[in-house]
Amino acid sequence: MEIIRNACPVPAIAEKDVALVAVGDIHGRFDLLVRILPTIKKVIPPACKRVDLVLLGDIIDRGDAAIEVLDLIREGINDWNIIPLMGNHEQLLLRVLNADMANYRMQWALWRGNGGLSTLENLNIKIPPIAQTPIYEHRKALVKALGPQRIEQLNTFASHYKSGNILCVHAGIDPTISIEDNFNATKLSTHPKHWAWIRDEFLEHTGPFEDGTFIVHGHTVLPDPVLEPHRIGLDTGACLYGVLSGALFFNSEMTVFQVTTDQ
């Protein structure tokens, strides 16, 4: 099923005449990503001068085709400007790849137990059991399975993307500090209010954000996109509910769209 809602005015204005398209957490659902691309084409205004496609992080894990998703993004989609953001799941994998010897097993367990197993199975290459393998050999096998192109790709995922007064980020920001200070945090920081992890402090914030910034985010799963005066959440549970959602911002209007597995 495809759902396209009527365009509505919002206090969110991207760069003039640029179609800013944000898509929620894909989580390895290649089927839903492929399904949503024609829907995006339908909602792009003919007058737009560029399409910025922002993927709001958690592109990998849980679903069964994370590798196909990564490869499609790397190859390119139409002539769109594709901006993949880093989510907490990409961060978990990069923590494994960058862990020192003392922390490698812990980081491996955290990633594998939080949806990484699906990505490992999708690689179709057997990684030796960590309990029976020296760490350097285990990491070498993981690096070989992922391949240098995908690892380089993951390292280029951005912390955020700004267009006009719209800020796209995976989980959100800590409203008690400046937006700039939020993104001073490194990509692999373990701070609980990190932009790839924050939840309650961001979601419960009722006032406007700095400089009237409108935030587009994923991370927190809800059955439908949630629009507040100062933000919209687009994670509708691609793996949990079989629904992938997005929003297009063009000048002063927003169009929300979804695809589901019920087709």
Protein backbone atom coordinates (compact mmCIF):
# COMPACT_ATOMS: atom_id res chain seq x y z
CA MET A 1 0.00 0.00 0.00
CA GLU A 2 1.10 3.54 -0.77
CA ILE A 3 -0.17 6.50 1.24
CA ILE A 4 0.47 10.11 0.26
CA ARG A 5 -1.03 12.79 2.48
CA ASN A 6 -2.00 16.22 1.24
CA ALA A 7 0.70 18.87 1.43
CA CYS A 8 0.36 21.12 4.45
CA PRO A 9 2.04 24.34 5.56
CA VAL A 10 4.72 23.94 8.24
CA PRO A 11 7.26 26.27 9.88
CA ALA A 12 10.01 24.31 8.10
CA ILE A 13 11.61 25.79 5.02
CA ALA A 14 14.46 24.08 3.20
CA GLU A 15 16.81 25.83 0.80
CA LYS A 16 14.72 27.65 -1.80
CA ASP A 17 13.42 25.43 -4.59
CA VAL A 18 15.22 22.37 -3.19
CA ALA A 19 13.12 19.26 -2.51
CA LEU A 20 14.33 18.00 0.86
CA VAL A 21 13.17 14.41 1.26
CA ALA A 22 13.71 12.63 4.59
CA VAL A 23 13.10 8.89 5.02
CA GLY A 24 12.86 7.17 8.39
CA ASP A 25 14.79 4.18 9.72
CA ILE A 26 15.12 1.55 6.98
CA HIS A 27 16.70 -1.20 9.13
CA GLY A 28 17.72 -3.43 6.26
CA ARG A 29 14.30 -3.45 4.57
CA PHE A 30 15.55 -3.24 1.00
CA ASP A 31 12.09 -4.19 -0.23
CA LEU A 32 10.51 -1.14 1.41
CA LEU A 33 13.29 1.17 0.24
CA VAL A 34 12.79 0.07 -3.37
CA ARG A 35 9.04 0.47 -2.93
CA ILE A 36 9.27 4.01 -1.57
CA LEU A 37 11.44 5.37 -4.40
CA PRO A 38 8.58 5.64 -6.96
CA THR A 39 6.48 7.30 -4.25
CA ILE A 40 9.20 9.89 -3.73
CA LYS A 41 9.22 10.59 -7.48
CA LYS A 42 5.47 11.25 -7.34
CA VAL A 43 5.76 13.90 -4.64
CA ILE A 44 8.77 15.78 -6.03
CA PRO A 45 7.55 19.10 -7.46
CA PRO A 46 8.51 19.64 -11.12
CA ALA A 47 9.85 23.09 -10.19
CA CYS A 48 12.52 21.82 -7.80
CA LYS A 49 16.12 22.47 -8.78
CA ARG A 50 17.65 19.64 -6.70
CA VAL A 51 16.55 16.64 -4.65
CA ASP A 52 18.29 16.09 -1.32
CA LEU A 53 17.41 12.59 -0.09
CA VAL A 54 18.25 12.32 3.60
CA LEU A 55 18.20 8.83 5.15
CA LEU A 56 17.72 9.36 8.87
CA GLY A 57 20.05 6.62 10.13
CA ASP A 58 19.59 3.02 11.29
CA ILE A 59 19.91 1.95 7.70
CA ILE A 60 21.37 -1.41 8.76
CA ASP A 61 20.45 -4.23 11.21
CA ARG A 62 17.23 -6.09 12.11
CA GLY A 63 16.04 -6.45 8.52
CA ASP A 64 17.41 -9.13 6.21
CA ALA A 65 18.96 -6.99 3.46
CA ALA A 66 21.14 -4.30 5.04
CA ILE A 67 23.95 -5.02 2.58
CA GLU A 68 21.70 -4.49 -0.43
CA VAL A 69 20.55 -1.19 1.09
CA LEU A 70 24.13 0.01 1.65
CA ASP A 71 25.16 -0.99 -1.86
CA LEU A 72 22.20 0.76 -3.49
CA ILE A 73 22.92 3.96 -1.58
CA ARG A 74 26.58 3.83 -2.59
CA GLU A 75 25.75 3.20 -6.25
CA GLY A 76 23.38 6.19 -6.34
CA ILE A 77 19.66 6.70 -6.86
CA ASN A 78 18.56 8.67 -9.92
CA ASP A 79 20.43 11.98 -9.92
CA TRP A 80 19.51 12.74 -6.31
CA ASN A 81 21.90 14.07 -3.70
CA ILE A 82 21.88 11.22 -1.15
CA ILE A 83 22.79 12.06 2.45
CA PRO A 84 22.86 9.01 4.78
CA LEU A 85 22.97 9.93 8.46
CA MET A 86 24.54 7.86 11.20
CA GLY A 87 22.14 6.14 13.54
CA ASN A 88 22.90 4.25 16.71
CA HIS A 89 23.06 0.97 14.78
CA GLU A 90 25.76 2.24 12.43
CA GLN A 91 27.51 3.59 15.50
CA LEU A 92 27.38 0.18 17.20
CA LEU A 93 29.03 -1.48 14.20
CA LEU A 94 31.71 1.19 13.93
CA ARG A 95 32.43 0.79 17.65
CA VAL A 96 33.20 -2.87 16.95
CA LEU A 97 35.50 -2.00 14.08
CA ASN A 98 37.31 0.64 16.15
CA ALA A 99 37.37 -1.11 19.54
CA ASP A 100 40.65 -1.77 21.32
CA MET A 101 41.55 -5.32 22.32
CA ALA A 102 40.11 -4.92 25.82
CA ASN A 103 36.67 -3.78 24.62
CA TYR A 104 36.25 -5.66 21.35
CA ARG A 105 34.24 -8.60 22.72
CA MET A 106 31.87 -6.32 24.61
CA GLN A 107 31.27 -4.10 21.57
CA TRP A 108 30.74 -7.18 19.40
CA ALA A 109 28.13 -8.54 21.80
CA LEU A 110 26.32 -5.17 21.95
CA TRP A 111 26.09 -4.85 18.19
CA ARG A 112 25.28 -8.51 17.50
CA GLY A 113 22.58 -8.57 20.20
CA ASN A 114 20.94 -5.36 18.99
CA GLY A 115 20.10 -6.38 15.45
CA GLY A 116 23.61 -6.91 14.11
CA LEU A 117 23.02 -10.64 13.75
CA SER A 118 20.68 -9.98 10.81
CA THR A 119 23.36 -7.96 9.06
CA LEU A 120 25.90 -10.70 9.71
CA GLU A 121 23.59 -13.31 8.20
CA ASN A 122 23.00 -11.03 5.23
CA LEU A 123 26.77 -10.93 4.54
CA ASN A 124 26.61 -14.65 3.71
CA ILE A 125 30.14 -15.15 5.01
CA LYS A 126 30.69 -17.10 8.20
CA ILE A 127 32.46 -15.19 10.96
CA PRO A 128 34.33 -17.56 13.33
CA PRO A 129 32.95 -17.89 16.88
CA ILE A 130 34.41 -15.09 18.98
CA ALA A 131 34.96 -17.33 22.02
CA GLN A 132 37.25 -19.59 19.97
CA THR A 133 39.08 -16.98 17.90
CA PRO A 134 41.82 -14.47 18.68
CA ILE A 135 40.44 -10.94 18.50
CA TYR A 136 42.70 -9.83 15.66
CA GLU A 137 41.56 -12.79 13.53
CA HIS A 138 37.91 -12.19 14.37
CA ARG A 139 38.08 -8.51 13.45
CA LYS A 140 39.99 -9.38 10.26
CA ALA A 141 37.19 -11.76 9.25
CA LEU A 142 34.55 -9.09 9.92
CA VAL A 143 36.46 -6.48 7.93
CA LYS A 144 36.87 -8.90 5.03
CA ALA A 145 33.17 -9.78 5.08
CA LEU A 146 32.07 -6.14 5.06
CA GLY A 147 34.66 -5.06 2.52
CA PRO A 148 36.62 -1.80 2.46
CA GLN A 149 34.05 0.07 0.37
CA ARG A 150 31.22 -0.49 2.85
CA ILE A 151 33.41 0.35 5.83
CA GLU A 152 34.52 3.57 4.17
CA GLN A 153 30.88 4.28 3.33
CA LEU A 154 29.77 3.85 6.95
CA ASN A 155 32.51 6.19 8.12
CA THR A 156 31.22 8.92 5.81
CA PHE A 157 27.68 8.89 7.26
CA ALA A 158 26.96 12.38 8.58
CA SER A 159 25.87 13.35 12.09
CA HIS A 160 23.21 15.71 10.70
CA TYR A 161 22.09 17.69 7.69
CA LYS A 162 20.84 21.27 7.67
CA SER A 163 18.82 22.93 4.92
CA GLY A 164 17.18 26.27 5.57
CA ASN A 165 15.78 26.05 9.10
CA ILE A 166 15.38 22.26 8.88
CA LEU A 167 17.78 20.04 10.83
CA CYS A 168 17.80 16.31 10.03
CA VAL A 169 19.33 14.05 12.68
CA HIS A 170 18.87 10.42 13.72
CA ALA A 171 17.60 10.57 17.31
CA GLY A 172 17.42 14.26 18.18
CA ILE A 173 19.34 16.86 20.13
CA ASP A 174 19.82 17.74 23.77
CA PRO A 175 17.68 20.89 24.12
CA THR A 176 19.63 22.06 27.18
CA ILE A 177 22.72 22.90 25.11
CA SER A 178 23.25 24.70 21.81
CA ILE A 179 22.81 22.89 18.53
CA GLU A 180 26.48 23.49 17.78
CA ASP A 181 27.51 21.89 21.07
CA ASN A 182 25.35 18.85 20.31
CA PHE A 183 27.40 18.14 17.22
CA ASN A 184 30.72 18.68 18.92
CA ALA A 185 30.21 15.13 20.19
CA THR A 186 32.19 12.59 18.19
CA LYS A 187 30.35 10.02 16.10
CA LEU A 188 31.34 7.18 18.44
CA SER A 189 30.71 8.96 21.74
CA THR A 190 28.94 6.90 24.41
CA HIS A 191 27.23 9.91 26.02
CA PRO A 192 23.56 9.04 26.82
CA LYS A 193 22.34 12.31 25.27
CA HIS A 194 24.27 11.76 22.05
CA TRP A 195 22.45 12.77 18.86
CA ALA A 196 22.32 9.09 17.77
CA TRP A 197 20.75 7.91 21.04
CA ILE A 198 18.84 10.64 22.88
CA ARG A 199 15.17 10.05 23.48
CA ASP A 200 13.15 11.39 26.44
CA GLU A 201 14.88 14.74 26.97
CA PHE A 202 14.39 15.54 23.29
CA LEU A 203 10.89 14.12 22.83
CA GLU A 204 9.54 15.80 25.97
CA HIS A 205 10.84 19.23 25.01
CA THR A 206 7.79 21.44 24.40
CA GLY A 207 9.34 24.76 23.49
CA PRO A 208 10.89 25.89 20.22
CA PHE A 209 14.45 25.00 19.35
CA GLU A 210 17.27 27.46 18.84
CA ASP A 211 16.73 29.94 15.98
CA GLY A 212 13.37 28.38 15.14
CA THR A 213 15.01 25.17 13.97
CA PHE A 214 12.57 22.46 12.87
CA ILE A 215 13.93 18.96 13.52
CA VAL A 216 13.30 15.89 11.38
CA HIS A 217 14.30 12.66 13.10
CA GLY A 218 13.87 8.91 13.40
CA HIS A 219 14.99 6.50 16.16
CA THR A 220 11.77 6.39 18.22
CA VAL A 221 9.27 3.96 16.69
CA LEU A 222 5.63 5.00 16.47
CA PRO A 223 2.81 3.60 14.31
CA ASP A 224 2.53 6.87 12.36
CA PRO A 225 4.67 9.97 11.78
CA VAL A 226 4.33 12.35 14.72
CA LEU A 227 4.18 16.05 13.88
CA GLU A 228 4.80 18.59 16.61
CA PRO A 229 5.14 22.37 16.14
CA HIS A 230 8.94 22.09 16.20
CA ARG A 231 9.69 18.57 14.93
CA ILE A 232 8.49 15.47 13.11
CA GLY A 233 9.40 11.84 13.86
CA LEU A 234 9.49 9.51 10.86
CA ASP A 235 10.46 6.12 12.32
CA THR A 236 7.31 4.05 11.82
CA GLY A 237 8.90 0.65 12.36
CA ALA A 238 10.01 -0.73 9.01
CA CYS A 239 10.82 -4.04 10.69
CA LEU A 240 8.26 -3.94 13.49
CA TYR A 241 5.20 -2.79 11.52
CA GLY A 242 6.33 -3.12 7.89
CA VAL A 243 5.85 0.62 7.32
CA LEU A 244 8.47 2.99 5.90
CA SER A 245 7.66 6.69 6.07
CA GLY A 246 9.11 9.88 4.68
CA ALA A 247 8.41 13.57 4.33
CA LEU A 248 9.11 16.03 1.54
CA PHE A 249 9.76 19.68 2.34
CA PHE A 250 9.48 22.14 -0.50
CA ASN A 251 9.48 25.84 0.20
CA SER A 252 6.88 26.21 2.99
CA GLU A 253 4.96 22.94 2.58
CA MET A 254 5.42 19.38 3.80
CA THR A 255 4.07 16.19 2.22
CA VAL A 256 4.14 12.99 4.27
CA PHE A 257 4.14 9.63 2.52
CA GLN A 258 4.37 5.94 3.45
CA VAL A 259 4.69 2.51 1.91
CA THR A 260 3.81 -0.79 3.55
CA THR A 261 4.27 -4.47 2.90
CA ASP A 262 0.53 -4.85 2.21
CA GLN A 263 0.82 -4.66 -1.55
